[in-house]
Amino acid sequence: MYHKIIIALSLEHGIAERALEAARCMAAEGAIIEAVHVYEAPRGAVSAYLDEKDVQKAYAATKQRLADRVAEAEGVTAVMLTGHSSRTLTEYAESSGADLIISGSHKPGVSDYFLGTTAARIVRHAPCTVVVLR
């Protein structure tokens, strides 16, 4: 049984309900469950063409979508991070003492045959157990 569970939550995919169900099945009594979304701000040349107010509005809208997504999930805390998705998530898992990460993975393409690229990186670099849901 796990005491600190992170659900790696992409707001573009519908994995949240299955991930939450899995987390609750594997949670020890009194476990902390966090739904974590990593916001990747525009980088490189693209950022030069964006108004800072628009970037801030996009961040605020994403944070609200995350809060809305977990609002009905009792005992789940929404956590918004900023950075590179897999790296930021694994660093957060280590610093927060997580002992389980639950991540989704899309159907594989040629370049990422067994897992999606983010899920594969989480599996390779996570400091704890990782469960990948398709």
N, C-alpha and C. Protein backbone atom coordinates (compact mmCIF):
# COMPACT_ATOMS: atom_id res chain seq x y z
N MET A 1 0.84 -1.18 0.00
CA MET A 1 0.00 0.00 0.00
C MET A 1 0.89 1.24 0.00
N TYR A 2 0.41 2.26 -0.67
CA TYR A 2 1.20 3.47 -0.88
C TYR A 2 0.64 4.63 -0.05
N HIS A 3 1.55 5.49 0.40
CA HIS A 3 1.16 6.58 1.29
C HIS A 3 1.11 7.95 0.61
N LYS A 4 1.88 8.13 -0.45
CA LYS A 4 1.88 9.40 -1.20
C LYS A 4 1.82 9.04 -2.67
N ILE A 5 0.69 9.31 -3.29
CA ILE A 5 0.44 8.91 -4.68
C ILE A 5 0.27 10.16 -5.53
N ILE A 6 0.99 10.16 -6.64
CA ILE A 6 0.87 11.24 -7.61
C ILE A 6 0.19 10.68 -8.86
N ILE A 7 -0.88 11.33 -9.27
CA ILE A 7 -1.50 11.01 -10.55
C ILE A 7 -1.00 12.07 -11.54
N ALA A 8 -0.22 11.62 -12.52
CA ALA A 8 0.29 12.53 -13.55
C ALA A 8 -0.87 12.81 -14.49
N LEU A 9 -1.40 14.00 -14.42
CA LEU A 9 -2.65 14.32 -15.10
C LEU A 9 -2.44 15.21 -16.30
N SER A 10 -2.72 14.66 -17.47
CA SER A 10 -2.75 15.46 -18.69
C SER A 10 -4.18 15.93 -18.87
N LEU A 11 -4.36 17.19 -19.10
CA LEU A 11 -5.71 17.72 -19.24
C LEU A 11 -6.31 17.44 -20.61
N GLU A 12 -5.51 16.88 -21.51
CA GLU A 12 -5.99 16.57 -22.85
C GLU A 12 -6.53 15.16 -22.99
N HIS A 13 -6.29 14.31 -22.01
CA HIS A 13 -6.69 12.90 -22.10
C HIS A 13 -7.68 12.54 -21.00
N GLY A 14 -8.44 11.51 -21.21
CA GLY A 14 -9.47 11.11 -20.26
C GLY A 14 -9.05 10.04 -19.27
N ILE A 15 -7.82 10.00 -18.86
CA ILE A 15 -7.31 8.95 -17.99
C ILE A 15 -7.64 9.20 -16.52
N ALA A 16 -8.10 10.36 -16.18
CA ALA A 16 -8.24 10.76 -14.78
C ALA A 16 -9.10 9.80 -13.95
N GLU A 17 -10.24 9.40 -14.45
CA GLU A 17 -11.12 8.53 -13.66
C GLU A 17 -10.47 7.18 -13.39
N ARG A 18 -9.87 6.58 -14.41
CA ARG A 18 -9.20 5.28 -14.22
C ARG A 18 -8.01 5.41 -13.28
N ALA A 19 -7.28 6.51 -13.42
CA ALA A 19 -6.10 6.72 -12.56
C ALA A 19 -6.53 6.93 -11.12
N LEU A 20 -7.60 7.67 -10.90
CA LEU A 20 -8.10 7.89 -9.55
C LEU A 20 -8.58 6.58 -8.92
N GLU A 21 -9.26 5.78 -9.70
CA GLU A 21 -9.71 4.47 -9.21
C GLU A 21 -8.52 3.60 -8.83
N ALA A 22 -7.49 3.58 -9.67
CA ALA A 22 -6.28 2.81 -9.38
C ALA A 22 -5.60 3.32 -8.13
N ALA A 23 -5.52 4.65 -8.00
CA ALA A 23 -4.88 5.24 -6.82
C ALA A 23 -5.61 4.84 -5.55
N ARG A 24 -6.91 4.90 -5.57
CA ARG A 24 -7.68 4.55 -4.37
C ARG A 24 -7.54 3.07 -4.02
N CYS A 25 -7.41 2.22 -5.03
CA CYS A 25 -7.23 0.78 -4.78
C CYS A 25 -5.87 0.48 -4.15
N MET A 26 -4.87 1.30 -4.48
CA MET A 26 -3.51 1.03 -4.00
C MET A 26 -3.11 1.89 -2.80
N ALA A 27 -4.00 2.75 -2.36
CA ALA A 27 -3.68 3.69 -1.27
C ALA A 27 -3.81 3.04 0.10
N ALA A 28 -2.85 3.34 0.94
CA ALA A 28 -2.94 2.95 2.34
C ALA A 28 -3.95 3.88 3.02
N GLU A 29 -4.41 3.49 4.18
CA GLU A 29 -5.33 4.35 4.91
C GLU A 29 -4.65 5.68 5.22
N GLY A 30 -5.33 6.77 4.93
CA GLY A 30 -4.78 8.09 5.18
C GLY A 30 -3.79 8.57 4.12
N ALA A 31 -3.73 7.89 3.01
CA ALA A 31 -2.78 8.26 1.95
C ALA A 31 -3.10 9.64 1.38
N ILE A 32 -2.07 10.28 0.89
CA ILE A 32 -2.20 11.55 0.19
C ILE A 32 -2.23 11.26 -1.30
N ILE A 33 -3.24 11.76 -1.99
CA ILE A 33 -3.34 11.60 -3.43
C ILE A 33 -3.34 12.98 -4.06
N GLU A 34 -2.39 13.20 -4.98
CA GLU A 34 -2.29 14.48 -5.66
C GLU A 34 -2.44 14.28 -7.17
N ALA A 35 -3.27 15.09 -7.78
CA ALA A 35 -3.39 15.13 -9.24
C ALA A 35 -2.46 16.24 -9.71
N VAL A 36 -1.38 15.86 -10.38
CA VAL A 36 -0.34 16.81 -10.75
C VAL A 36 -0.36 17.03 -12.26
N HIS A 37 -0.43 18.29 -12.64
CA HIS A 37 -0.32 18.65 -14.06
C HIS A 37 0.90 19.56 -14.21
N VAL A 38 1.70 19.28 -15.23
CA VAL A 38 2.87 20.12 -15.50
C VAL A 38 2.55 21.00 -16.70
N TYR A 39 2.56 22.30 -16.46
CA TYR A 39 2.31 23.28 -17.50
C TYR A 39 3.63 23.58 -18.19
N GLU A 40 3.66 23.35 -19.50
CA GLU A 40 4.87 23.64 -20.26
C GLU A 40 4.67 24.97 -20.98
N ALA A 41 5.33 25.98 -20.47
CA ALA A 41 5.23 27.32 -21.07
C ALA A 41 5.89 27.32 -22.44
N PRO A 42 5.41 28.16 -23.35
CA PRO A 42 6.04 28.25 -24.67
C PRO A 42 7.51 28.61 -24.54
N ARG A 43 8.34 27.94 -25.35
CA ARG A 43 9.79 28.17 -25.27
C ARG A 43 10.34 28.56 -26.64
N GLY A 44 11.57 28.95 -26.62
CA GLY A 44 12.30 29.22 -27.85
C GLY A 44 11.72 30.38 -28.63
N ALA A 45 11.79 30.26 -29.95
CA ALA A 45 11.36 31.32 -30.85
C ALA A 45 9.88 31.65 -30.69
N VAL A 46 9.08 30.68 -30.34
CA VAL A 46 7.64 30.90 -30.19
C VAL A 46 7.37 31.94 -29.11
N SER A 47 8.09 31.86 -28.01
CA SER A 47 7.84 32.77 -26.89
C SER A 47 8.11 34.23 -27.26
N ALA A 48 8.96 34.46 -28.25
CA ALA A 48 9.26 35.83 -28.67
C ALA A 48 8.04 36.50 -29.31
N TYR A 49 7.11 35.73 -29.81
CA TYR A 49 5.94 36.27 -30.50
C TYR A 49 4.69 36.33 -29.62
N LEU A 50 4.82 35.91 -28.38
CA LEU A 50 3.66 35.89 -27.49
C LEU A 50 3.71 37.03 -26.49
N ASP A 51 2.56 37.61 -26.27
CA ASP A 51 2.43 38.66 -25.26
C ASP A 51 2.42 37.99 -23.88
N GLU A 52 3.13 38.55 -22.92
CA GLU A 52 3.22 37.98 -21.58
C GLU A 52 1.85 37.86 -20.92
N LYS A 53 0.95 38.79 -21.20
CA LYS A 53 -0.41 38.70 -20.65
C LYS A 53 -1.14 37.48 -21.17
N ASP A 54 -0.94 37.15 -22.45
CA ASP A 54 -1.57 35.97 -23.03
C ASP A 54 -1.03 34.69 -22.41
N VAL A 55 0.27 34.66 -22.14
CA VAL A 55 0.89 33.51 -21.50
C VAL A 55 0.33 33.34 -20.09
N GLN A 56 0.20 34.44 -19.36
CA GLN A 56 -0.36 34.39 -18.00
C GLN A 56 -1.82 33.94 -18.01
N LYS A 57 -2.58 34.40 -19.01
CA LYS A 57 -3.98 33.98 -19.12
C LYS A 57 -4.07 32.48 -19.42
N ALA A 58 -3.19 31.98 -20.28
CA ALA A 58 -3.18 30.55 -20.59
C ALA A 58 -2.84 29.73 -19.36
N TYR A 59 -1.88 30.20 -18.57
CA TYR A 59 -1.52 29.51 -17.33
C TYR A 59 -2.71 29.49 -16.37
N ALA A 60 -3.35 30.63 -16.18
CA ALA A 60 -4.50 30.72 -15.27
C ALA A 60 -5.64 29.83 -15.74
N ALA A 61 -5.88 29.79 -17.04
CA ALA A 61 -6.95 28.93 -17.58
C ALA A 61 -6.63 27.45 -17.37
N THR A 62 -5.37 27.09 -17.53
CA THR A 62 -4.96 25.70 -17.31
C THR A 62 -5.10 25.32 -15.84
N LYS A 63 -4.71 26.22 -14.97
CA LYS A 63 -4.83 25.97 -13.52
C LYS A 63 -6.29 25.79 -13.13
N GLN A 64 -7.18 26.57 -13.73
CA GLN A 64 -8.61 26.44 -13.45
C GLN A 64 -9.15 25.11 -13.99
N ARG A 65 -8.72 24.70 -15.18
CA ARG A 65 -9.14 23.40 -15.73
C ARG A 65 -8.73 22.26 -14.81
N LEU A 66 -7.51 22.35 -14.26
CA LEU A 66 -7.04 21.33 -13.34
C LEU A 66 -7.92 21.30 -12.08
N ALA A 67 -8.18 22.46 -11.52
CA ALA A 67 -9.03 22.54 -10.32
C ALA A 67 -10.42 21.99 -10.60
N ASP A 68 -10.99 22.32 -11.76
CA ASP A 68 -12.31 21.82 -12.12
C ASP A 68 -12.30 20.31 -12.29
N ARG A 69 -11.22 19.80 -12.85
CA ARG A 69 -11.12 18.36 -13.13
C ARG A 69 -11.13 17.52 -11.86
N VAL A 70 -10.55 18.03 -10.79
CA VAL A 70 -10.47 17.25 -9.55
C VAL A 70 -11.44 17.73 -8.47
N ALA A 71 -12.27 18.71 -8.79
CA ALA A 71 -13.17 19.30 -7.79
C ALA A 71 -14.09 18.26 -7.15
N GLU A 72 -14.56 17.31 -7.91
CA GLU A 72 -15.49 16.30 -7.40
C GLU A 72 -14.78 15.10 -6.76
N ALA A 73 -13.47 15.03 -6.91
CA ALA A 73 -12.70 13.88 -6.41
C ALA A 73 -12.33 14.12 -4.95
N GLU A 74 -13.05 13.49 -4.08
CA GLU A 74 -12.83 13.66 -2.65
C GLU A 74 -11.44 13.17 -2.25
N GLY A 75 -10.75 13.99 -1.47
CA GLY A 75 -9.45 13.60 -0.96
C GLY A 75 -8.30 13.74 -1.95
N VAL A 76 -8.53 14.42 -3.07
CA VAL A 76 -7.49 14.61 -4.07
C VAL A 76 -7.14 16.09 -4.14
N THR A 77 -5.86 16.38 -4.07
CA THR A 77 -5.37 17.75 -4.14
C THR A 77 -4.82 18.02 -5.53
N ALA A 78 -5.18 19.14 -6.12
CA ALA A 78 -4.65 19.54 -7.42
C ALA A 78 -3.32 20.27 -7.21
N VAL A 79 -2.31 19.88 -7.98
CA VAL A 79 -1.00 20.51 -7.90
C VAL A 79 -0.57 20.89 -9.32
N MET A 80 -0.28 22.16 -9.51
CA MET A 80 0.16 22.66 -10.82
C MET A 80 1.64 22.98 -10.73
N LEU A 81 2.42 22.40 -11.63
CA LEU A 81 3.84 22.66 -11.71
C LEU A 81 4.15 23.26 -13.08
N THR A 82 5.30 23.89 -13.20
CA THR A 82 5.73 24.46 -14.47
C THR A 82 7.09 23.90 -14.82
N GLY A 83 7.24 23.49 -16.08
CA GLY A 83 8.54 22.97 -16.53
C GLY A 83 8.35 21.92 -17.60
N HIS A 84 9.38 21.11 -17.78
CA HIS A 84 9.34 19.99 -18.72
C HIS A 84 8.57 18.86 -18.04
N SER A 85 7.59 18.30 -18.72
CA SER A 85 6.63 17.40 -18.06
C SER A 85 7.27 16.24 -17.30
N SER A 86 8.04 15.39 -17.94
CA SER A 86 8.55 14.21 -17.24
C SER A 86 9.61 14.58 -16.21
N ARG A 87 10.50 15.46 -16.55
CA ARG A 87 11.57 15.84 -15.62
C ARG A 87 11.00 16.54 -14.38
N THR A 88 10.11 17.47 -14.58
CA THR A 88 9.51 18.20 -13.46
C THR A 88 8.71 17.26 -12.57
N LEU A 89 7.98 16.34 -13.17
CA LEU A 89 7.19 15.40 -12.40
C LEU A 89 8.07 14.48 -11.56
N THR A 90 9.13 13.93 -12.14
CA THR A 90 9.99 13.03 -11.37
C THR A 90 10.74 13.78 -10.27
N GLU A 91 11.15 15.01 -10.53
CA GLU A 91 11.80 15.81 -9.49
C GLU A 91 10.81 16.11 -8.35
N TYR A 92 9.57 16.40 -8.71
CA TYR A 92 8.56 16.67 -7.69
C TYR A 92 8.29 15.41 -6.86
N ALA A 93 8.21 14.27 -7.53
CA ALA A 93 7.98 13.01 -6.82
C ALA A 93 9.08 12.76 -5.80
N GLU A 94 10.31 13.02 -6.19
CA GLU A 94 11.43 12.80 -5.27
C GLU A 94 11.40 13.79 -4.11
N SER A 95 11.20 15.06 -4.41
CA SER A 95 11.24 16.07 -3.35
C SER A 95 10.05 15.98 -2.40
N SER A 96 8.93 15.45 -2.88
CA SER A 96 7.74 15.37 -2.03
C SER A 96 7.61 14.02 -1.32
N GLY A 97 8.51 13.10 -1.61
CA GLY A 97 8.46 11.80 -0.95
C GLY A 97 7.40 10.86 -1.47
N ALA A 98 7.00 11.03 -2.73
CA ALA A 98 5.99 10.15 -3.32
C ALA A 98 6.53 8.72 -3.41
N ASP A 99 5.65 7.76 -3.18
CA ASP A 99 6.07 6.37 -3.34
C ASP A 99 5.35 5.67 -4.49
N LEU A 100 4.48 6.41 -5.22
CA LEU A 100 3.82 5.87 -6.40
C LEU A 100 3.44 7.01 -7.34
N ILE A 101 3.72 6.81 -8.63
CA ILE A 101 3.25 7.71 -9.69
C ILE A 101 2.35 6.89 -10.60
N ILE A 102 1.17 7.41 -10.89
CA ILE A 102 0.29 6.78 -11.86
C ILE A 102 0.23 7.70 -13.07
N SER A 103 0.57 7.14 -14.23
CA SER A 103 0.64 7.93 -15.45
C SER A 103 -0.15 7.23 -16.55
N GLY A 104 -0.68 8.00 -17.45
CA GLY A 104 -1.34 7.44 -18.62
C GLY A 104 -0.37 7.37 -19.78
N SER A 105 -0.72 6.58 -20.77
CA SER A 105 0.08 6.50 -21.98
C SER A 105 -0.87 6.33 -23.15
N HIS A 106 -0.61 7.10 -24.20
CA HIS A 106 -1.45 6.99 -25.39
C HIS A 106 -1.06 5.75 -26.18
N LYS A 107 -1.84 5.43 -27.18
CA LYS A 107 -1.48 4.32 -28.05
C LYS A 107 -0.15 4.65 -28.71
N PRO A 108 0.76 3.69 -28.74
CA PRO A 108 2.10 3.98 -29.24
C PRO A 108 2.16 4.18 -30.74
N GLY A 109 3.09 5.04 -31.13
CA GLY A 109 3.42 5.23 -32.53
C GLY A 109 4.75 4.55 -32.80
N VAL A 110 5.28 4.72 -33.97
CA VAL A 110 6.55 4.09 -34.33
C VAL A 110 7.69 4.56 -33.43
N SER A 111 7.72 5.85 -33.13
CA SER A 111 8.84 6.39 -32.36
C SER A 111 8.80 6.04 -30.88
N ASP A 112 7.65 5.67 -30.38
CA ASP A 112 7.54 5.33 -28.95
C ASP A 112 6.68 4.09 -28.81
N TYR A 113 7.15 3.01 -29.36
CA TYR A 113 6.33 1.82 -29.54
C TYR A 113 5.72 1.26 -28.26
N PHE A 114 6.44 1.16 -27.19
CA PHE A 114 5.91 0.52 -26.00
C PHE A 114 5.17 1.48 -25.06
N LEU A 115 5.65 2.68 -24.94
CA LEU A 115 5.02 3.68 -24.07
C LEU A 115 5.05 5.02 -24.77
N GLY A 116 4.21 5.93 -24.34
CA GLY A 116 4.31 7.30 -24.82
C GLY A 116 5.61 7.90 -24.31
N THR A 117 6.09 8.93 -24.94
CA THR A 117 7.40 9.47 -24.57
C THR A 117 7.44 10.00 -23.14
N THR A 118 6.40 10.69 -22.70
CA THR A 118 6.39 11.19 -21.32
C THR A 118 6.34 10.04 -20.33
N ALA A 119 5.47 9.08 -20.56
CA ALA A 119 5.37 7.92 -19.66
C ALA A 119 6.69 7.15 -19.63
N ALA A 120 7.32 6.98 -20.78
CA ALA A 120 8.59 6.26 -20.83
C ALA A 120 9.67 6.96 -20.01
N ARG A 121 9.72 8.28 -20.11
CA ARG A 121 10.71 9.04 -19.33
C ARG A 121 10.42 8.97 -17.84
N ILE A 122 9.15 9.01 -17.48
CA ILE A 122 8.80 8.89 -16.06
C ILE A 122 9.24 7.53 -15.54
N VAL A 123 8.96 6.48 -16.29
CA VAL A 123 9.35 5.13 -15.87
C VAL A 123 10.86 5.03 -15.69
N ARG A 124 11.62 5.61 -16.62
CA ARG A 124 13.09 5.52 -16.55
C ARG A 124 13.69 6.32 -15.41
N HIS A 125 13.09 7.45 -15.05
CA HIS A 125 13.74 8.36 -14.11
C HIS A 125 13.06 8.51 -12.76
N ALA A 126 11.92 7.90 -12.57
CA ALA A 126 11.17 8.08 -11.32
C ALA A 126 11.92 7.47 -10.13
N PRO A 127 11.83 8.12 -8.99
CA PRO A 127 12.47 7.62 -7.78
C PRO A 127 11.60 6.61 -7.02
N CYS A 128 10.47 6.23 -7.63
CA CYS A 128 9.53 5.37 -6.93
C CYS A 128 8.82 4.45 -7.94
N THR A 129 7.88 3.69 -7.46
CA THR A 129 7.09 2.80 -8.31
C THR A 129 6.25 3.63 -9.28
N VAL A 130 6.11 3.13 -10.52
CA VAL A 130 5.29 3.80 -11.52
C VAL A 130 4.30 2.79 -12.10
N VAL A 131 3.05 3.19 -12.18
CA VAL A 131 2.02 2.39 -12.83
C VAL A 131 1.59 3.16 -14.07
N VAL A 132 1.63 2.50 -15.23
CA VAL A 132 1.24 3.15 -16.48
C VAL A 132 -0.06 2.54 -16.94
N LEU A 133 -1.05 3.42 -17.18
CA LEU A 133 -2.36 2.99 -17.67
C LEU A 133 -2.48 3.38 -19.13
N ARG A 134 -3.02 2.51 -19.93
CA ARG A 134 -3.30 2.84 -21.33
C ARG A 134 -4.69 3.35 -21.43
